[in-house]
Every structure is written in C-alpha cells, then in structure tokens.
Amino acid sequence: MSTHIPGASGPDEERLLLVHIRQVVGQVHYRICADCAEGVITAVVIEERFHSTGLGTRALSHLRSRHPGITWRSTSRARTTRDLLRRMRIRTTASAATCAHERRPHEGDS
C-alpha cells in the first residue's frame, strides 16, 4: 500500500506501508520525480522481528515494480538498511533532493 504523506513538503513524498496480518510492520519513505525518472528513498523502517526475513528486499522490489524506469538512490545512513541497499544495488547519497532541477533555486526565490 502506498500513501501520500499529509503535510509533506513535496507533492511526490510517499510511503510504502509494509503490512503483515493487517498490521503495519514497516515503511519505506520515498520521493519521485517523474520528469527526471529519479527516486530517492529517505527511510526504510522495519520492525526488528522482520529483519532477516526478506521483507526489506520484497518491499524495495515492489517499489521498483510499481515505478518502472525510475533510477533509485537513498539518503538513509541507518546501519540496519545499509546491507539491504547494497544488496539491491541502490546507491547512497547525501542530498535529499530528488533530482537536479529540485536542487536549483526556483524563479523568484532569494
């Protein structure tokens, strides 16, 4: 299940909810720029009892299948997600901006 985050700063900030027996057991927070075909994963949170079950791998695979053609990267530096991101070949970067045009100042901004 994917939902828009209420009050999020950008129109494309979403989260993929990870559900097990009608209970949310994790979330993947991400943003997408369809114009640039780039996506950034800002957080992967999974209950500890589900670490090493393949849930993280299935979640990121599902995210890729929902958004084909998107190049993914992550800003998450959490130790618990580092191996997952490496296995899924998702590079880690420092910038939370989704794409190059998002990092540029908008016209009229100081």
PDB file of N, CA and C in Angstrom:
ATOM      1  N   MET A   1       0.851  -1.163   0.000  1.00  0.00           N
ATOM      2  CA  MET A   1       0.000   0.000   0.000  1.00  0.00           C
ATOM      3  C   MET A   1       0.902   1.233   0.000  1.00  0.00           C
ATOM      4  N   SER A   2       0.590   2.186  -0.812  1.00  0.00           N
ATOM      5  CA  SER A   2       1.365   3.410  -0.894  1.00  0.00           C
ATOM      6  C   SER A   2       0.455   4.575  -0.562  1.00  0.00           C
ATOM      7  N   THR A   3       0.960   5.496   0.231  1.00  0.00           N
ATOM      8  CA  THR A   3       0.151   6.644   0.618  1.00  0.00           C
ATOM      9  C   THR A   3       0.960   7.921   0.521  1.00  0.00           C
ATOM     10  N   HIS A   4       0.264   9.019   0.268  1.00  0.00           N
ATOM     11  CA  HIS A   4       0.889  10.333   0.294  1.00  0.00           C
ATOM     12  C   HIS A   4       1.025  10.749   1.748  1.00  0.00           C
ATOM     13  N   ILE A   5       2.134  11.354   2.112  1.00  0.00           N
ATOM     14  CA  ILE A   5       2.343  11.791   3.486  1.00  0.00           C
ATOM     15  C   ILE A   5       1.675  13.145   3.674  1.00  0.00           C
ATOM     16  N   PRO A   6       0.654  13.249   4.536  1.00  0.00           N
ATOM     17  CA  PRO A   6      -0.014  14.534   4.762  1.00  0.00           C
ATOM     18  C   PRO A   6       0.974  15.584   5.266  1.00  0.00           C
ATOM     19  N   GLY A   7       0.888  16.773   4.701  1.00  0.00           N
ATOM     20  CA  GLY A   7       1.753  17.868   5.137  1.00  0.00           C
ATOM     21  C   GLY A   7       3.181  17.744   4.639  1.00  0.00           C
ATOM     22  N   ALA A   8       3.449  16.823   3.736  1.00  0.00           N
ATOM     23  CA  ALA A   8       4.797  16.643   3.216  1.00  0.00           C
ATOM     24  C   ALA A   8       5.198  17.871   2.414  1.00  0.00           C
ATOM     25  N   SER A   9       6.501  18.134   2.372  1.00  0.00           N
ATOM     26  CA  SER A   9       6.971  19.346   1.711  1.00  0.00           C
ATOM     27  C   SER A   9       6.889  19.264   0.193  1.00  0.00           C
ATOM     28  N   GLY A  10       6.862  18.078  -0.376  1.00  0.00           N
ATOM     29  CA  GLY A  10       6.811  17.947  -1.828  1.00  0.00           C
ATOM     30  C   GLY A  10       5.619  17.125  -2.259  1.00  0.00           C
ATOM     31  N   PRO A  11       5.179  17.321  -3.501  1.00  0.00           N
ATOM     32  CA  PRO A  11       3.988  16.617  -3.969  1.00  0.00           C
ATOM     33  C   PRO A  11       4.206  15.118  -4.138  1.00  0.00           C
ATOM     34  N   ASP A  12       5.449  14.682  -4.258  1.00  0.00           N
ATOM     35  CA  ASP A  12       5.705  13.276  -4.522  1.00  0.00           C
ATOM     36  C   ASP A  12       6.219  12.512  -3.305  1.00  0.00           C
ATOM     37  N   GLU A  13       6.136  13.085  -2.114  1.00  0.00           N
ATOM     38  CA  GLU A  13       6.587  12.360  -0.927  1.00  0.00           C
ATOM     39  C   GLU A  13       5.550  11.314  -0.569  1.00  0.00           C
ATOM     40  N   GLU A  14       5.993  10.072  -0.563  1.00  0.00           N
ATOM     41  CA  GLU A  14       5.077   8.970  -0.300  1.00  0.00           C
ATOM     42  C   GLU A  14       5.723   7.976   0.641  1.00  0.00           C
ATOM     43  N   ARG A  15       4.923   7.011   1.084  1.00  0.00           N
ATOM     44  CA  ARG A  15       5.473   5.908   1.854  1.00  0.00           C
ATOM     45  C   ARG A  15       4.785   4.623   1.435  1.00  0.00           C
ATOM     46  N   LEU A  16       5.559   3.578   1.395  1.00  0.00           N
ATOM     47  CA  LEU A  16       5.058   2.244   1.123  1.00  0.00           C
ATOM     48  C   LEU A  16       4.913   1.570   2.480  1.00  0.00           C
ATOM     49  N   LEU A  17       3.687   1.216   2.838  1.00  0.00           N
ATOM     50  CA  LEU A  17       3.436   0.568   4.122  1.00  0.00           C
ATOM     51  C   LEU A  17       3.616  -0.934   3.968  1.00  0.00           C
ATOM     52  N   LEU A  18       4.330  -1.543   4.896  1.00  0.00           N
ATOM     53  CA  LEU A  18       4.564  -2.977   4.887  1.00  0.00           C
ATOM     54  C   LEU A  18       3.625  -3.598   5.909  1.00  0.00           C
ATOM     55  N   VAL A  19       2.704  -4.419   5.433  1.00  0.00           N
ATOM     56  CA  VAL A  19       1.630  -4.946   6.279  1.00  0.00           C
ATOM     57  C   VAL A  19       1.776  -6.458   6.426  1.00  0.00           C
ATOM     58  N   HIS A  20       1.622  -6.930   7.657  1.00  0.00           N
ATOM     59  CA  HIS A  20       1.634  -8.361   7.961  1.00  0.00           C
ATOM     60  C   HIS A  20       0.436  -8.654   8.858  1.00  0.00           C
ATOM     61  N   ILE A  21      -0.454  -9.488   8.399  1.00  0.00           N
ATOM     62  CA  ILE A  21      -1.679  -9.848   9.128  1.00  0.00           C
ATOM     63  C   ILE A  21      -2.396  -8.588   9.633  1.00  0.00           C
ATOM     64  N   ARG A  22      -2.735  -7.717   8.693  1.00  0.00           N
ATOM     65  CA  ARG A  22      -3.482  -6.479   8.959  1.00  0.00           C
ATOM     66  C   ARG A  22      -2.811  -5.547   9.968  1.00  0.00           C
ATOM     67  N   GLN A  23      -1.504  -5.628  10.086  1.00  0.00           N
ATOM     68  CA  GLN A  23      -0.762  -4.749  10.987  1.00  0.00           C
ATOM     69  C   GLN A  23       0.440  -4.176  10.234  1.00  0.00           C
ATOM     70  N   VAL A  24       0.631  -2.861  10.325  1.00  0.00           N
ATOM     71  CA  VAL A  24       1.779  -2.220   9.684  1.00  0.00           C
ATOM     72  C   VAL A  24       3.034  -2.597  10.476  1.00  0.00           C
ATOM     73  N   VAL A  25       3.988  -3.236   9.785  1.00  0.00           N
ATOM     74  CA  VAL A  25       5.221  -3.676  10.443  1.00  0.00           C
ATOM     75  C   VAL A  25       6.450  -2.956   9.892  1.00  0.00           C
ATOM     76  N   GLY A  26       6.234  -2.033   8.959  1.00  0.00           N
ATOM     77  CA  GLY A  26       7.342  -1.275   8.410  1.00  0.00           C
ATOM     78  C   GLY A  26       6.879  -0.265   7.380  1.00  0.00           C
ATOM     79  N   GLN A  27       7.820   0.586   6.966  1.00  0.00           N
ATOM     80  CA  GLN A  27       7.525   1.633   5.987  1.00  0.00           C
ATOM     81  C   GLN A  27       8.774   1.933   5.170  1.00  0.00           C
ATOM     82  N   VAL A  28       8.550   2.276   3.907  1.00  0.00           N
ATOM     83  CA  VAL A  28       9.613   2.806   3.057  1.00  0.00           C
ATOM     84  C   VAL A  28       9.161   4.205   2.661  1.00  0.00           C
ATOM     85  N   HIS A  29       9.929   5.222   3.043  1.00  0.00           N
ATOM     86  CA  HIS A  29       9.623   6.614   2.694  1.00  0.00           C
ATOM     87  C   HIS A  29      10.419   6.966   1.438  1.00  0.00           C
ATOM     88  N   TYR A  30       9.752   7.600   0.469  1.00  0.00           N
ATOM     89  CA  TYR A  30      10.430   7.914  -0.787  1.00  0.00           C
ATOM     90  C   TYR A  30       9.770   9.094  -1.492  1.00  0.00           C
ATOM     91  N   ARG A  31      10.527   9.667  -2.450  1.00  0.00           N
ATOM     92  CA  ARG A  31      10.024  10.722  -3.335  1.00  0.00           C
ATOM     93  C   ARG A  31      10.435  10.369  -4.754  1.00  0.00           C
ATOM     94  N   ILE A  32       9.619  10.804  -5.697  1.00  0.00           N
ATOM     95  CA  ILE A  32       9.885  10.519  -7.111  1.00  0.00           C
ATOM     96  C   ILE A  32       9.735  11.792  -7.934  1.00  0.00           C
ATOM     97  N   CYS A  33      10.612  11.950  -8.912  1.00  0.00           N
ATOM     98  CA  CYS A  33      10.447  12.981  -9.932  1.00  0.00           C
ATOM     99  C   CYS A  33      10.250  12.241 -11.248  1.00  0.00           C
ATOM    100  N   ALA A  34       9.024  12.233 -11.745  1.00  0.00           N
ATOM    101  CA  ALA A  34       8.711  11.529 -12.994  1.00  0.00           C
ATOM    102  C   ALA A  34       9.409  12.180 -14.191  1.00  0.00           C
ATOM    103  N   ASP A  35       9.608  13.514 -14.139  1.00  0.00           N
ATOM    104  CA  ASP A  35      10.266  14.214 -15.247  1.00  0.00           C
ATOM    105  C   ASP A  35      11.703  13.733 -15.441  1.00  0.00           C
ATOM    106  N   CYS A  36      12.406  13.520 -14.338  1.00  0.00           N
ATOM    107  CA  CYS A  36      13.811  13.089 -14.396  1.00  0.00           C
ATOM    108  C   CYS A  36      13.969  11.577 -14.278  1.00  0.00           C
ATOM    109  N   ALA A  37      12.882  10.878 -13.977  1.00  0.00           N
ATOM    110  CA  ALA A  37      12.908   9.420 -13.762  1.00  0.00           C
ATOM    111  C   ALA A  37      13.882   9.046 -12.651  1.00  0.00           C
ATOM    112  N   GLU A  38      13.862   9.851 -11.569  1.00  0.00           N
ATOM    113  CA  GLU A  38      14.714   9.599 -10.412  1.00  0.00           C
ATOM    114  C   GLU A  38      13.859   9.484  -9.165  1.00  0.00           C
ATOM    115  N   GLY A  39      14.286   8.609  -8.259  1.00  0.00           N
ATOM    116  CA  GLY A  39      13.600   8.452  -6.986  1.00  0.00           C
ATOM    117  C   GLY A  39      14.611   8.394  -5.861  1.00  0.00           C
ATOM    118  N   VAL A  40      14.215   8.890  -4.692  1.00  0.00           N
ATOM    119  CA  VAL A  40      15.094   8.844  -3.525  1.00  0.00           C
ATOM    120  C   VAL A  40      14.342   8.198  -2.366  1.00  0.00           C
ATOM    121  N   ILE A  41      14.967   7.219  -1.764  1.00  0.00           N
ATOM    122  CA  ILE A  41      14.429   6.553  -0.582  1.00  0.00           C
ATOM    123  C   ILE A  41      15.035   7.265   0.616  1.00  0.00           C
ATOM    124  N   THR A  42      14.176   7.854   1.454  1.00  0.00           N
ATOM    125  CA  THR A  42      14.680   8.616   2.594  1.00  0.00           C
ATOM    126  C   THR A  42      14.704   7.809   3.882  1.00  0.00           C
ATOM    127  N   ALA A  43      13.941   6.722   3.942  1.00  0.00           N
ATOM    128  CA  ALA A  43      13.962   5.878   5.141  1.00  0.00           C
ATOM    129  C   ALA A  43      13.363   4.513   4.839  1.00  0.00           C
ATOM    130  N   VAL A  44      13.936   3.501   5.472  1.00  0.00           N
ATOM    131  CA  VAL A  44      13.375   2.151   5.461  1.00  0.00           C
ATOM    132  C   VAL A  44      13.301   1.736   6.921  1.00  0.00           C
ATOM    133  N   VAL A  45      12.084   1.547   7.411  1.00  0.00           N
ATOM    134  CA  VAL A  45      11.877   1.188   8.815  1.00  0.00           C
ATOM    135  C   VAL A  45      11.100  -0.119   8.848  1.00  0.00           C
ATOM    136  N   ILE A  46      11.696  -1.134   9.472  1.00  0.00           N
ATOM    137  CA  ILE A  46      11.058  -2.447   9.580  1.00  0.00           C
ATOM    138  C   ILE A  46      11.201  -2.925  11.021  1.00  0.00           C
ATOM    139  N   GLU A  47      10.104  -3.434  11.579  1.00  0.00           N
ATOM    140  CA  GLU A  47      10.166  -3.964  12.939  1.00  0.00           C
ATOM    141  C   GLU A  47      11.278  -5.002  13.030  1.00  0.00           C
ATOM    142  N   GLU A  48      11.970  -5.006  14.153  1.00  0.00           N
ATOM    143  CA  GLU A  48      13.137  -5.871  14.324  1.00  0.00           C
ATOM    144  C   GLU A  48      12.823  -7.343  14.076  1.00  0.00           C
ATOM    145  N   ARG A  49      11.657  -7.804  14.469  1.00  0.00           N
ATOM    146  CA  ARG A  49      11.327  -9.224  14.281  1.00  0.00           C
ATOM    147  C   ARG A  49      11.233  -9.611  12.803  1.00  0.00           C
ATOM    148  N   PHE A  50      11.170  -8.623  11.904  1.00  0.00           N
ATOM    149  CA  PHE A  50      11.097  -8.902  10.471  1.00  0.00           C
ATOM    150  C   PHE A  50      12.419  -8.652   9.742  1.00  0.00           C
ATOM    151  N   HIS A  51      13.492  -8.275  10.480  1.00  0.00           N
ATOM    152  CA  HIS A  51      14.815  -8.126   9.834  1.00  0.00           C
ATOM    153  C   HIS A  51      15.248  -9.521   9.391  1.00  0.00           C
ATOM    154  N   SER A  52      15.912  -9.826   8.466  1.00  0.00           N
ATOM    155  CA  SER A  52      16.376 -11.160   8.038  1.00  0.00           C
ATOM    156  C   SER A  52      15.258 -12.073   7.557  1.00  0.00           C
ATOM    157  N   THR A  53      14.093 -11.531   7.235  1.00  0.00           N
ATOM    158  CA  THR A  53      13.015 -12.365   6.691  1.00  0.00           C
ATOM    159  C   THR A  53      12.834 -12.139   5.195  1.00  0.00           C
ATOM    160  N   GLY A  54      13.571 -11.184   4.635  1.00  0.00           N
ATOM    161  CA  GLY A  54      13.416 -10.859   3.222  1.00  0.00           C
ATOM    162  C   GLY A  54      12.359  -9.794   2.966  1.00  0.00           C
ATOM    163  N   LEU A  55      11.740  -9.281   4.030  1.00  0.00           N
ATOM    164  CA  LEU A  55      10.692  -8.271   3.864  1.00  0.00           C
ATOM    165  C   LEU A  55      11.236  -6.999   3.217  1.00  0.00           C
ATOM    166  N   GLY A  56      12.417  -6.556   3.627  1.00  0.00           N
ATOM    167  CA  GLY A  56      13.008  -5.355   3.036  1.00  0.00           C
ATOM    168  C   GLY A  56      13.278  -5.526   1.552  1.00  0.00           C
ATOM    169  N   THR A  57      13.813  -6.678   1.180  1.00  0.00           N
ATOM    170  CA  THR A  57      14.080  -6.972  -0.230  1.00  0.00           C
ATOM    171  C   THR A  57      12.787  -6.990  -1.027  1.00  0.00           C
ATOM    172  N   ARG A  58      11.761  -7.634  -0.493  1.00  0.00           N
ATOM    173  CA  ARG A  58      10.468  -7.679  -1.188  1.00  0.00           C
ATOM    174  C   ARG A  58       9.870  -6.281  -1.312  1.00  0.00           C
ATOM    175  N   ALA A  59      10.019  -5.457  -0.263  1.00  0.00           N
ATOM    176  CA  ALA A  59       9.459  -4.102  -0.295  1.00  0.00           C
ATOM    177  C   ALA A  59      10.123  -3.259  -1.380  1.00  0.00           C
ATOM    178  N   LEU A  60      11.459  -3.292  -1.449  1.00  0.00           N
ATOM    179  CA  LEU A  60      12.152  -2.490  -2.460  1.00  0.00           C
ATOM    180  C   LEU A  60      11.914  -3.043  -3.866  1.00  0.00           C
ATOM    181  N   SER A  61      11.778  -4.355  -4.000  1.00  0.00           N
ATOM    182  CA  SER A  61      11.433  -4.942  -5.301  1.00  0.00           C
ATOM    183  C   SER A  61      10.041  -4.497  -5.730  1.00  0.00           C
ATOM    184  N   HIS A  62       9.121  -4.453  -4.778  1.00  0.00           N
ATOM    185  CA  HIS A  62       7.758  -3.991  -5.065  1.00  0.00           C
ATOM    186  C   HIS A  62       7.775  -2.521  -5.494  1.00  0.00           C
ATOM    187  N   LEU A  63       8.572  -1.712  -4.806  1.00  0.00           N
ATOM    188  CA  LEU A  63       8.688  -0.296  -5.151  1.00  0.00           C
ATOM    189  C   LEU A  63       9.203  -0.145  -6.585  1.00  0.00           C
ATOM    190  N   ARG A  64      10.205  -0.930  -6.941  1.00  0.00           N
ATOM    191  CA  ARG A  64      10.735  -0.878  -8.310  1.00  0.00           C
ATOM    192  C   ARG A  64       9.693  -1.309  -9.337  1.00  0.00           C
ATOM    193  N   SER A  65       8.887  -2.312  -9.007  1.00  0.00           N
ATOM    194  CA  SER A  65       7.875  -2.767  -9.971  1.00  0.00           C
ATOM    195  C   SER A  65       6.728  -1.767 -10.107  1.00  0.00           C
ATOM    196  N   ARG A  66       6.424  -1.035  -9.043  1.00  0.00           N
ATOM    197  CA  ARG A  66       5.381  -0.001  -9.103  1.00  0.00           C
ATOM    198  C   ARG A  66       5.819   1.207  -9.916  1.00  0.00           C
ATOM    199  N   HIS A  67       7.125   1.445  -9.953  1.00  0.00           N
ATOM    200  CA  HIS A  67       7.674   2.623 -10.636  1.00  0.00           C
ATOM    201  C   HIS A  67       8.779   2.185 -11.603  1.00  0.00           C
ATOM    202  N   PRO A  68       8.428   1.490 -12.689  1.00  0.00           N
ATOM    203  CA  PRO A  68       9.454   1.032 -13.636  1.00  0.00           C
ATOM    204  C   PRO A  68      10.140   2.215 -14.320  1.00  0.00           C
ATOM    205  N   GLY A  69      11.411   2.052 -14.600  1.00  0.00           N
ATOM    206  CA  GLY A  69      12.162   3.096 -15.289  1.00  0.00           C
ATOM    207  C   GLY A  69      12.733   4.159 -14.368  1.00  0.00           C
ATOM    208  N   ILE A  70      12.462   4.071 -13.077  1.00  0.00           N
ATOM    209  CA  ILE A  70      12.989   5.046 -12.117  1.00  0.00           C
ATOM    210  C   ILE A  70      14.364   4.585 -11.643  1.00  0.00           C
ATOM    211  N   THR A  71      15.327   5.502 -11.607  1.00  0.00           N
ATOM    212  CA  THR A  71      16.647   5.232 -11.046  1.00  0.00           C
ATOM    213  C   THR A  71      16.596   5.608  -9.572  1.00  0.00           C
ATOM    214  N   TRP A  72      16.897   4.649  -8.710  1.00  0.00           N
ATOM    215  CA  TRP A  72      16.761   4.854  -7.267  1.00  0.00           C
ATOM    216  C   TRP A  72      18.091   5.140  -6.596  1.00  0.00           C
ATOM    217  N   ARG A  73      18.035   5.959  -5.548  1.00  0.00           N
ATOM    218  CA  ARG A  73      19.156   6.182  -4.631  1.00  0.00           C
ATOM    219  C   ARG A  73      18.561   6.404  -3.258  1.00  0.00           C
ATOM    220  N   SER A  74      19.400   6.429  -2.241  1.00  0.00           N
ATOM    221  CA  SER A  74      18.901   6.575  -0.878  1.00  0.00           C
ATOM    222  C   SER A  74      19.737   7.573  -0.098  1.00  0.00           C
ATOM    223  N   THR A  75      19.090   8.244   0.839  1.00  0.00           N
ATOM    224  CA  THR A  75      19.799   9.132   1.760  1.00  0.00           C
ATOM    225  C   THR A  75      19.906   8.492   3.136  1.00  0.00           C
ATOM    226  N   SER A  76      19.358   7.301   3.302  1.00  0.00           N
ATOM    227  CA  SER A  76      19.371   6.622   4.597  1.00  0.00           C
ATOM    228  C   SER A  76      20.778   6.153   4.939  1.00  0.00           C
ATOM    229  N   ARG A  77      21.231   6.484   6.127  1.00  0.00           N
ATOM    230  CA  ARG A  77      22.548   6.067   6.601  1.00  0.00           C
ATOM    231  C   ARG A  77      22.424   5.050   7.741  1.00  0.00           C
ATOM    232  N   ALA A  78      21.207   4.585   7.988  1.00  0.00           N
ATOM    233  CA  ALA A  78      20.968   3.659   9.096  1.00  0.00           C
ATOM    234  C   ALA A  78      21.721   2.352   8.875  1.00  0.00           C
ATOM    235  N   ARG A  79      22.372   1.880   9.916  1.00  0.00           N
ATOM    236  CA  ARG A  79      23.138   0.640   9.844  1.00  0.00           C
ATOM    237  C   ARG A  79      22.264  -0.534   9.419  1.00  0.00           C
ATOM    238  N   THR A  80      21.028  -0.548   9.895  1.00  0.00           N
ATOM    239  CA  THR A  80      20.127  -1.667   9.609  1.00  0.00           C
ATOM    240  C   THR A  80      19.712  -1.745   8.144  1.00  0.00           C
ATOM    241  N   THR A  81      19.802  -0.647   7.410  1.00  0.00           N
ATOM    242  CA  THR A  81      19.402  -0.672   5.991  1.00  0.00           C
ATOM    243  C   THR A  81      20.586  -0.676   5.030  1.00  0.00           C
ATOM    244  N   ARG A  82      21.782  -0.465   5.544  1.00  0.00           N
ATOM    245  CA  ARG A  82      22.969  -0.373   4.686  1.00  0.00           C
ATOM    246  C   ARG A  82      23.157  -1.632   3.826  1.00  0.00           C
ATOM    247  N   ASP A  83      23.073  -2.818   4.443  1.00  0.00           N
ATOM    248  CA  ASP A  83      23.243  -4.064   3.691  1.00  0.00           C
ATOM    249  C   ASP A  83      22.121  -4.268   2.678  1.00  0.00           C
ATOM    250  N   LEU A  84      20.896  -3.939   3.074  1.00  0.00           N
ATOM    251  CA  LEU A  84      19.748  -4.067   2.174  1.00  0.00           C
ATOM    252  C   LEU A  84      19.956  -3.221   0.921  1.00  0.00           C
ATOM    253  N   LEU A  85      20.350  -1.969   1.099  1.00  0.00           N
ATOM    254  CA  LEU A  85      20.560  -1.073  -0.040  1.00  0.00           C
ATOM    255  C   LEU A  85      21.690  -1.579  -0.930  1.00  0.00           C
ATOM    256  N   ARG A  86      22.743  -2.097  -0.319  1.00  0.00           N
ATOM    257  CA  ARG A  86      23.860  -2.636  -1.093  1.00  0.00           C
ATOM    258  C   ARG A  86      23.404  -3.852  -1.908  1.00  0.00           C
ATOM    259  N   ARG A  87      22.651  -4.759  -1.278  1.00  0.00           N
ATOM    260  CA  ARG A  87      22.147  -5.948  -1.989  1.00  0.00           C
ATOM    261  C   ARG A  87      21.249  -5.571  -3.158  1.00  0.00           C
ATOM    262  N   MET A  88      20.453  -4.538  -2.967  1.00  0.00           N
ATOM    263  CA  MET A  88      19.511  -4.112  -4.001  1.00  0.00           C
ATOM    264  C   MET A  88      20.156  -3.165  -5.015  1.00  0.00           C
ATOM    265  N   ARG A  89      21.447  -2.893  -4.847  1.00  0.00           N
ATOM    266  CA  ARG A  89      22.209  -2.002  -5.735  1.00  0.00           C
ATOM    267  C   ARG A  89      21.594  -0.610  -5.818  1.00  0.00           C
ATOM    268  N   ILE A  90      21.260  -0.090  -4.647  1.00  0.00           N
ATOM    269  CA  ILE A  90      20.740   1.277  -4.548  1.00  0.00           C
ATOM    270  C   ILE A  90      21.834   2.114  -3.903  1.00  0.00           C
ATOM    271  N   ARG A  91      22.332   3.083  -4.645  1.00  0.00           N
ATOM    272  CA  ARG A  91      23.443   3.889  -4.131  1.00  0.00           C
ATOM    273  C   ARG A  91      22.963   4.844  -3.048  1.00  0.00           C
ATOM    274  N   THR A  92      23.876   5.184  -2.151  1.00  0.00           N
ATOM    275  CA  THR A  92      23.580   6.099  -1.056  1.00  0.00           C
ATOM    276  C   THR A  92      24.240   7.440  -1.353  1.00  0.00           C
ATOM    277  N   THR A  93      23.474   8.527  -1.188  1.00  0.00           N
ATOM    278  CA  THR A  93      23.988   9.873  -1.408  1.00  0.00           C
ATOM    279  C   THR A  93      23.616  10.754  -0.225  1.00  0.00           C
ATOM    280  N   ALA A  94      24.235  11.907  -0.136  1.00  0.00           N
ATOM    281  CA  ALA A  94      23.966  12.820   0.973  1.00  0.00           C
ATOM    282  C   ALA A  94      22.765  13.724   0.709  1.00  0.00           C
ATOM    283  N   SER A  95      22.506  14.052  -0.549  1.00  0.00           N
ATOM    284  CA  SER A  95      21.450  15.007  -0.880  1.00  0.00           C
ATOM    285  C   SER A  95      20.070  14.370  -0.823  1.00  0.00           C
ATOM    286  N   ALA A  96      19.147  15.037  -0.133  1.00  0.00           N
ATOM    287  CA  ALA A  96      17.766  14.549  -0.047  1.00  0.00           C
ATOM    288  C   ALA A  96      16.926  15.025  -1.228  1.00  0.00           C
ATOM    289  N   ALA A  97      17.455  15.955  -2.024  1.00  0.00           N
ATOM    290  CA  ALA A  97      16.701  16.430  -3.187  1.00  0.00           C
ATOM    291  C   ALA A  97      16.521  15.274  -4.162  1.00  0.00           C
ATOM    292  N   THR A  98      15.346  15.173  -4.741  1.00  0.00           N
ATOM    293  CA  THR A  98      15.041  14.067  -5.639  1.00  0.00           C
ATOM    294  C   THR A  98      15.893  14.117  -6.900  1.00  0.00           C
ATOM    295  N   CYS A  99      16.026  15.286  -7.508  1.00  0.00           N
ATOM    296  CA  CYS A  99      16.731  15.371  -8.784  1.00  0.00           C
ATOM    297  C   CYS A  99      17.400  16.738  -8.925  1.00  0.00           C
ATOM    298  N   ALA A 100      18.117  16.914 -10.041  1.00  0.00           N
ATOM    299  CA  ALA A 100      18.891  18.132 -10.255  1.00  0.00           C
ATOM    300  C   ALA A 100      18.018  19.379 -10.282  1.00  0.00           C
ATOM    301  N   HIS A 101      16.868  19.337 -10.973  1.00  0.00           N
ATOM    302  CA  HIS A 101      16.062  20.555 -11.056  1.00  0.00           C
ATOM    303  C   HIS A 101      15.413  20.892  -9.715  1.00  0.00           C
ATOM    304  N   GLU A 102      15.255  19.936  -8.826  1.00  0.00           N
ATOM    305  CA  GLU A 102      14.720  20.229  -7.491  1.00  0.00           C
ATOM    306  C   GLU A 102      15.755  20.953  -6.635  1.00  0.00           C
ATOM    307  N   ARG A 103      17.046  20.725  -6.926  1.00  0.00           N
ATOM    308  CA  ARG A 103      18.111  21.355  -6.139  1.00  0.00           C
ATOM    309  C   ARG A 103      18.355  22.799  -6.560  1.00  0.00           C
ATOM    310  N   ARG A 104      17.892  23.172  -7.761  1.00  0.00           N
ATOM    311  CA  ARG A 104      18.074  24.543  -8.241  1.00  0.00           C
ATOM    312  C   ARG A 104      17.102  25.487  -7.552  1.00  0.00           C
ATOM    313  N   PRO A 105      17.506  26.739  -7.282  1.00  0.00           N
ATOM    314  CA  PRO A 105      16.560  27.706  -6.711  1.00  0.00           C
ATOM    315  C   PRO A 105      15.419  27.968  -7.688  1.00  0.00           C
ATOM    316  N   HIS A 106      14.229  28.137  -7.169  1.00  0.00           N
ATOM    317  CA  HIS A 106      13.068  28.449  -8.008  1.00  0.00           C
ATOM    318  C   HIS A 106      13.100  29.917  -8.399  1.00  0.00           C
ATOM    319  N   GLU A 107      12.511  30.243  -9.562  1.00  0.00           N
ATOM    320  CA  GLU A 107      12.463  31.635 -10.000  1.00  0.00           C
ATOM    321  C   GLU A 107      11.736  32.463  -8.956  1.00  0.00           C
ATOM    322  N   GLY A 108      12.287  33.608  -8.643  1.00  0.00           N
ATOM    323  CA  GLY A 108      11.669  34.490  -7.664  1.00  0.00           C
ATOM    324  C   GLY A 108      12.144  34.228  -6.244  1.00  0.00           C
ATOM    325  N   ASP A 109      12.870  33.108  -6.008  1.00  0.00           N
ATOM    326  CA  ASP A 109      13.413  32.829  -4.677  1.00  0.00           C
ATOM    327  C   ASP A 109      14.674  33.649  -4.485  1.00  0.00           C
ATOM    328  N   SER A 110      14.938  34.018  -3.275  1.00  0.00           N
ATOM    329  CA  SER A 110      16.160  34.776  -2.985  1.00  0.00           C
ATOM    330  C   SER A 110      17.284  33.853  -2.661  1.00  0.00           C
TER     331      SER A 110
END
